Amino acid sequence: MSRSAVLKLHFRNEETLRHLEQAAHELGISADELAEAAIERELASMDAGLGSKLTGILHRLKAHKRGPIEQDIADFARGEVELDDPFQGKRVSTDDPHGIGALFARRLERG
């Protein structure tokens, strides 16, 4: 008999848990199965985006022509000041009038 890995999950928002249980009941599956499927889908989505970003970075690095180090340092410093950090966490609205988004745990905010 195969054992399953276990993750104890604590919900900060009890309504999220109720929505998960209700949706699972309506789908005829356990809340554990629905939560696992949602987590798998979310992780796959995150991974796909990250892979394409890393591939793009690799192509840009390979195409980069080496110049004077002083110019590279100046360009880097200017970029740190002038450009937004693409990985910086941002607060987003959690309005969900139909309760669809509440079926899944909210993403943890970074930063």
N, C-alpha and C. Protein backbone atom coordinates (compact mmCIF):
# COMPACT_ATOMS: atom_id res chain seq x y z
N MET A 1 0.84 -1.18 0.00
CA MET A 1 0.00 0.00 0.00
C MET A 1 0.89 1.25 0.00
N SER A 2 0.65 2.16 -0.90
CA SER A 2 1.43 3.38 -1.04
C SER A 2 0.95 4.44 -0.06
N ARG A 3 1.92 5.11 0.59
CA ARG A 3 1.57 6.19 1.53
C ARG A 3 1.63 7.52 0.82
N SER A 4 0.75 8.41 1.20
CA SER A 4 0.74 9.75 0.63
C SER A 4 1.55 10.69 1.51
N ALA A 5 2.18 11.66 0.87
CA ALA A 5 2.85 12.71 1.63
C ALA A 5 1.77 13.58 2.27
N VAL A 6 2.09 14.18 3.40
CA VAL A 6 1.10 14.95 4.15
C VAL A 6 1.56 16.38 4.32
N LEU A 7 0.64 17.31 4.11
CA LEU A 7 0.87 18.72 4.38
C LEU A 7 -0.32 19.22 5.18
N LYS A 8 -0.05 19.71 6.37
CA LYS A 8 -1.11 20.27 7.19
C LYS A 8 -1.24 21.74 6.80
N LEU A 9 -2.41 22.14 6.38
CA LEU A 9 -2.64 23.48 5.86
C LEU A 9 -3.54 24.26 6.80
N HIS A 10 -3.08 25.44 7.20
CA HIS A 10 -3.87 26.30 8.08
C HIS A 10 -4.41 27.46 7.25
N PHE A 11 -5.72 27.63 7.26
CA PHE A 11 -6.34 28.72 6.51
C PHE A 11 -6.50 29.93 7.42
N ARG A 12 -5.97 31.07 6.98
CA ARG A 12 -6.17 32.31 7.73
C ARG A 12 -7.58 32.83 7.53
N ASN A 13 -8.16 32.51 6.39
CA ASN A 13 -9.51 32.95 6.07
C ASN A 13 -10.43 31.72 6.05
N GLU A 14 -11.28 31.61 7.04
CA GLU A 14 -12.16 30.44 7.15
C GLU A 14 -13.10 30.31 5.95
N GLU A 15 -13.43 31.44 5.34
CA GLU A 15 -14.32 31.42 4.18
C GLU A 15 -13.67 30.68 3.01
N THR A 16 -12.36 30.81 2.88
CA THR A 16 -11.64 30.10 1.82
C THR A 16 -11.82 28.59 2.01
N LEU A 17 -11.68 28.13 3.22
CA LEU A 17 -11.85 26.71 3.50
C LEU A 17 -13.29 26.27 3.21
N ARG A 18 -14.25 27.08 3.60
CA ARG A 18 -15.66 26.73 3.32
C ARG A 18 -15.91 26.65 1.82
N HIS A 19 -15.35 27.59 1.06
CA HIS A 19 -15.52 27.57 -0.40
C HIS A 19 -14.86 26.33 -1.00
N LEU A 20 -13.69 25.99 -0.50
CA LEU A 20 -12.99 24.80 -0.98
C LEU A 20 -13.84 23.55 -0.71
N GLU A 21 -14.34 23.43 0.49
CA GLU A 21 -15.16 22.26 0.85
C GLU A 21 -16.45 22.21 0.03
N GLN A 22 -17.07 23.36 -0.18
CA GLN A 22 -18.31 23.42 -0.96
C GLN A 22 -18.05 23.04 -2.42
N ALA A 23 -17.01 23.59 -3.01
CA ALA A 23 -16.69 23.28 -4.40
C ALA A 23 -16.34 21.79 -4.55
N ALA A 24 -15.57 21.26 -3.61
CA ALA A 24 -15.20 19.85 -3.65
C ALA A 24 -16.45 18.97 -3.57
N HIS A 25 -17.37 19.34 -2.68
CA HIS A 25 -18.62 18.58 -2.54
C HIS A 25 -19.41 18.60 -3.84
N GLU A 26 -19.50 19.78 -4.46
CA GLU A 26 -20.25 19.92 -5.71
C GLU A 26 -19.59 19.14 -6.85
N LEU A 27 -18.27 19.01 -6.80
CA LEU A 27 -17.54 18.26 -7.83
C LEU A 27 -17.50 16.76 -7.52
N GLY A 28 -17.91 16.39 -6.32
CA GLY A 28 -17.92 14.98 -5.94
C GLY A 28 -16.54 14.43 -5.62
N ILE A 29 -15.64 15.32 -5.16
CA ILE A 29 -14.30 14.89 -4.78
C ILE A 29 -14.00 15.43 -3.38
N SER A 30 -12.92 14.97 -2.81
CA SER A 30 -12.55 15.45 -1.48
C SER A 30 -11.91 16.83 -1.58
N ALA A 31 -11.96 17.56 -0.48
CA ALA A 31 -11.31 18.87 -0.43
C ALA A 31 -9.81 18.71 -0.64
N ASP A 32 -9.24 17.62 -0.15
CA ASP A 32 -7.81 17.35 -0.36
C ASP A 32 -7.49 17.22 -1.84
N GLU A 33 -8.34 16.47 -2.57
CA GLU A 33 -8.10 16.29 -4.00
C GLU A 33 -8.20 17.61 -4.75
N LEU A 34 -9.20 18.43 -4.42
CA LEU A 34 -9.37 19.71 -5.09
C LEU A 34 -8.21 20.65 -4.77
N ALA A 35 -7.80 20.70 -3.51
CA ALA A 35 -6.68 21.57 -3.12
C ALA A 35 -5.40 21.13 -3.82
N GLU A 36 -5.15 19.82 -3.88
CA GLU A 36 -3.95 19.33 -4.54
C GLU A 36 -3.96 19.68 -6.03
N ALA A 37 -5.11 19.51 -6.69
CA ALA A 37 -5.22 19.84 -8.11
C ALA A 37 -4.99 21.34 -8.34
N ALA A 38 -5.55 22.16 -7.46
CA ALA A 38 -5.38 23.61 -7.59
C ALA A 38 -3.92 24.01 -7.39
N ILE A 39 -3.27 23.41 -6.42
CA ILE A 39 -1.87 23.71 -6.15
C ILE A 39 -1.00 23.25 -7.32
N GLU A 40 -1.26 22.05 -7.84
CA GLU A 40 -0.49 21.55 -8.99
C GLU A 40 -0.63 22.49 -10.18
N ARG A 41 -1.85 22.95 -10.45
CA ARG A 41 -2.09 23.85 -11.58
C ARG A 41 -1.38 25.19 -11.38
N GLU A 42 -1.45 25.71 -10.17
CA GLU A 42 -0.81 27.00 -9.87
C GLU A 42 0.71 26.88 -10.01
N LEU A 43 1.29 25.82 -9.48
CA LEU A 43 2.74 25.63 -9.58
C LEU A 43 3.18 25.44 -11.02
N ALA A 44 2.41 24.71 -11.81
CA ALA A 44 2.74 24.51 -13.23
C ALA A 44 2.70 25.85 -13.96
N SER A 45 1.71 26.66 -13.63
CA SER A 45 1.59 27.98 -14.26
C SER A 45 2.77 28.86 -13.90
N MET A 46 3.18 28.85 -12.65
CA MET A 46 4.32 29.64 -12.20
C MET A 46 5.60 29.15 -12.88
N ASP A 47 5.76 27.85 -12.98
CA ASP A 47 6.96 27.27 -13.56
C ASP A 47 7.07 27.60 -15.04
N ALA A 48 5.97 27.54 -15.77
CA ALA A 48 5.99 27.83 -17.20
C ALA A 48 6.43 29.26 -17.45
N GLY A 49 5.92 30.19 -16.69
CA GLY A 49 6.31 31.58 -16.85
C GLY A 49 7.77 31.81 -16.51
N LEU A 50 8.24 31.18 -15.48
CA LEU A 50 9.63 31.35 -15.07
C LEU A 50 10.57 30.77 -16.10
N GLY A 51 10.23 29.61 -16.66
CA GLY A 51 11.08 28.99 -17.67
C GLY A 51 11.26 29.87 -18.89
N SER A 52 10.18 30.48 -19.37
CA SER A 52 10.30 31.34 -20.55
C SER A 52 11.10 32.60 -20.23
N LYS A 53 10.95 33.12 -19.02
CA LYS A 53 11.74 34.30 -18.63
C LYS A 53 13.22 33.96 -18.58
N LEU A 54 13.55 32.82 -18.00
CA LEU A 54 14.96 32.42 -17.91
C LEU A 54 15.55 32.15 -19.30
N THR A 55 14.76 31.57 -20.20
CA THR A 55 15.23 31.34 -21.56
C THR A 55 15.53 32.66 -22.25
N GLY A 56 14.65 33.64 -22.08
CA GLY A 56 14.87 34.96 -22.66
C GLY A 56 16.13 35.61 -22.11
N ILE A 57 16.34 35.48 -20.81
CA ILE A 57 17.55 36.05 -20.19
C ILE A 57 18.79 35.38 -20.76
N LEU A 58 18.74 34.07 -20.91
CA LEU A 58 19.89 33.33 -21.46
C LEU A 58 20.22 33.82 -22.87
N HIS A 59 19.21 34.00 -23.72
CA HIS A 59 19.43 34.49 -25.08
C HIS A 59 20.06 35.88 -25.08
N ARG A 60 19.55 36.75 -24.20
CA ARG A 60 20.11 38.10 -24.12
C ARG A 60 21.56 38.08 -23.63
N LEU A 61 21.85 37.21 -22.67
CA LEU A 61 23.23 37.11 -22.18
C LEU A 61 24.18 36.61 -23.27
N LYS A 62 23.72 35.63 -24.04
CA LYS A 62 24.57 35.10 -25.12
C LYS A 62 24.81 36.15 -26.20
N ALA A 63 23.84 37.02 -26.43
CA ALA A 63 23.96 38.04 -27.47
C ALA A 63 24.73 39.27 -27.00
N HIS A 64 24.99 39.36 -25.72
CA HIS A 64 25.65 40.54 -25.16
C HIS A 64 27.09 40.64 -25.64
N LYS A 65 27.43 41.82 -26.15
CA LYS A 65 28.80 42.07 -26.59
C LYS A 65 29.57 42.68 -25.43
N ARG A 66 30.70 42.12 -25.14
CA ARG A 66 31.54 42.59 -24.02
C ARG A 66 32.14 43.95 -24.35
N GLY A 67 31.95 44.91 -23.46
CA GLY A 67 32.50 46.25 -23.64
C GLY A 67 33.34 46.62 -22.44
N PRO A 68 33.71 47.89 -22.35
CA PRO A 68 34.50 48.33 -21.20
C PRO A 68 33.71 48.12 -19.90
N ILE A 69 34.38 47.61 -18.89
CA ILE A 69 33.73 47.30 -17.61
C ILE A 69 33.09 48.54 -16.98
N GLU A 70 33.68 49.69 -17.14
CA GLU A 70 33.13 50.92 -16.57
C GLU A 70 31.76 51.22 -17.17
N GLN A 71 31.61 51.00 -18.48
CA GLN A 71 30.31 51.23 -19.12
C GLN A 71 29.28 50.22 -18.62
N ASP A 72 29.70 48.97 -18.45
CA ASP A 72 28.78 47.94 -17.93
C ASP A 72 28.30 48.32 -16.53
N ILE A 73 29.20 48.79 -15.69
CA ILE A 73 28.84 49.18 -14.33
C ILE A 73 27.87 50.35 -14.36
N ALA A 74 28.13 51.34 -15.20
CA ALA A 74 27.25 52.50 -15.31
C ALA A 74 25.87 52.09 -15.82
N ASP A 75 25.82 51.20 -16.82
CA ASP A 75 24.54 50.72 -17.36
C ASP A 75 23.75 49.96 -16.30
N PHE A 76 24.45 49.13 -15.54
CA PHE A 76 23.80 48.36 -14.48
C PHE A 76 23.20 49.30 -13.43
N ALA A 77 23.99 50.25 -12.98
CA ALA A 77 23.53 51.20 -11.96
C ALA A 77 22.33 51.99 -12.46
N ARG A 78 22.37 52.44 -13.71
CA ARG A 78 21.25 53.19 -14.28
C ARG A 78 19.99 52.31 -14.32
N GLY A 79 20.16 51.05 -14.71
CA GLY A 79 19.02 50.14 -14.75
C GLY A 79 18.40 49.90 -13.39
N GLU A 80 19.22 49.84 -12.35
CA GLU A 80 18.72 49.64 -10.99
C GLU A 80 17.85 50.82 -10.54
N VAL A 81 18.15 51.99 -11.03
CA VAL A 81 17.43 53.20 -10.62
C VAL A 81 16.22 53.47 -11.51
N GLU A 82 16.37 53.24 -12.82
CA GLU A 82 15.35 53.66 -13.77
C GLU A 82 14.29 52.61 -14.07
N LEU A 83 14.60 51.34 -13.90
CA LEU A 83 13.68 50.28 -14.30
C LEU A 83 13.01 49.65 -13.09
N ASP A 84 11.73 49.27 -13.27
CA ASP A 84 11.01 48.56 -12.22
C ASP A 84 11.53 47.13 -12.11
N ASP A 85 11.59 46.62 -10.90
CA ASP A 85 12.02 45.25 -10.67
C ASP A 85 10.88 44.31 -11.08
N PRO A 86 11.09 43.43 -12.09
CA PRO A 86 9.98 42.57 -12.55
C PRO A 86 9.56 41.52 -11.52
N PHE A 87 10.39 41.26 -10.51
CA PHE A 87 10.04 40.25 -9.51
C PHE A 87 9.57 40.86 -8.19
N GLN A 88 9.37 42.15 -8.18
CA GLN A 88 8.93 42.82 -6.96
C GLN A 88 7.45 42.51 -6.74
N GLY A 89 7.11 42.12 -5.53
CA GLY A 89 5.73 41.82 -5.20
C GLY A 89 4.88 43.08 -5.23
N LYS A 90 3.64 42.91 -5.64
CA LYS A 90 2.72 44.04 -5.71
C LYS A 90 1.41 43.63 -5.07
N ARG A 91 0.83 44.55 -4.34
CA ARG A 91 -0.48 44.30 -3.74
C ARG A 91 -1.53 44.40 -4.83
N VAL A 92 -2.42 43.42 -4.87
CA VAL A 92 -3.49 43.41 -5.86
C VAL A 92 -4.83 43.36 -5.15
N SER A 93 -5.84 43.77 -5.83
CA SER A 93 -7.19 43.74 -5.26
C SER A 93 -7.65 42.29 -5.13
N THR A 94 -8.33 42.00 -4.05
CA THR A 94 -8.85 40.64 -3.87
C THR A 94 -10.38 40.62 -3.98
N ASP A 95 -10.94 41.67 -4.60
CA ASP A 95 -12.39 41.68 -4.80
C ASP A 95 -12.78 40.48 -5.65
N ASP A 96 -13.76 39.75 -5.21
CA ASP A 96 -14.18 38.53 -5.91
C ASP A 96 -15.67 38.37 -5.68
N PRO A 97 -16.49 39.16 -6.40
CA PRO A 97 -17.92 39.17 -6.13
C PRO A 97 -18.62 37.83 -6.31
N HIS A 98 -18.07 36.95 -7.14
CA HIS A 98 -18.70 35.66 -7.37
C HIS A 98 -18.07 34.51 -6.58
N GLY A 99 -17.02 34.82 -5.82
CA GLY A 99 -16.40 33.80 -4.98
C GLY A 99 -15.55 32.79 -5.71
N ILE A 100 -15.26 33.01 -6.98
CA ILE A 100 -14.49 32.04 -7.77
C ILE A 100 -13.05 31.99 -7.29
N GLY A 101 -12.42 33.14 -7.16
CA GLY A 101 -11.03 33.18 -6.72
C GLY A 101 -10.85 32.67 -5.31
N ALA A 102 -11.89 32.81 -4.51
CA ALA A 102 -11.81 32.37 -3.11
C ALA A 102 -11.75 30.85 -2.99
N LEU A 103 -12.01 30.13 -4.08
CA LEU A 103 -11.92 28.68 -4.04
C LEU A 103 -10.47 28.21 -3.87
N PHE A 104 -9.56 29.08 -4.20
CA PHE A 104 -8.15 28.74 -4.13
C PHE A 104 -7.47 29.66 -3.14
N ALA A 105 -6.45 29.16 -2.51
CA ALA A 105 -5.71 29.96 -1.52
C ALA A 105 -5.09 31.16 -2.22
N ARG A 106 -5.08 32.27 -1.52
CA ARG A 106 -4.45 33.48 -2.08
C ARG A 106 -2.95 33.27 -2.14
N ARG A 107 -2.34 33.84 -3.16
CA ARG A 107 -0.89 33.77 -3.29
C ARG A 107 -0.27 34.55 -2.14
N LEU A 108 0.83 34.06 -1.65
CA LEU A 108 1.55 34.78 -0.61
C LEU A 108 2.20 36.00 -1.24
N GLU A 109 2.07 37.10 -0.58
CA GLU A 109 2.70 38.31 -1.10
C GLU A 109 4.15 38.35 -0.66
N ARG A 110 5.00 38.77 -1.56
CA ARG A 110 6.42 38.91 -1.24
C ARG A 110 6.72 40.37 -1.00
N GLY A 111 7.77 40.58 -0.22
CA GLY A 111 8.29 41.93 -0.08
C GLY A 111 7.64 42.63 1.02
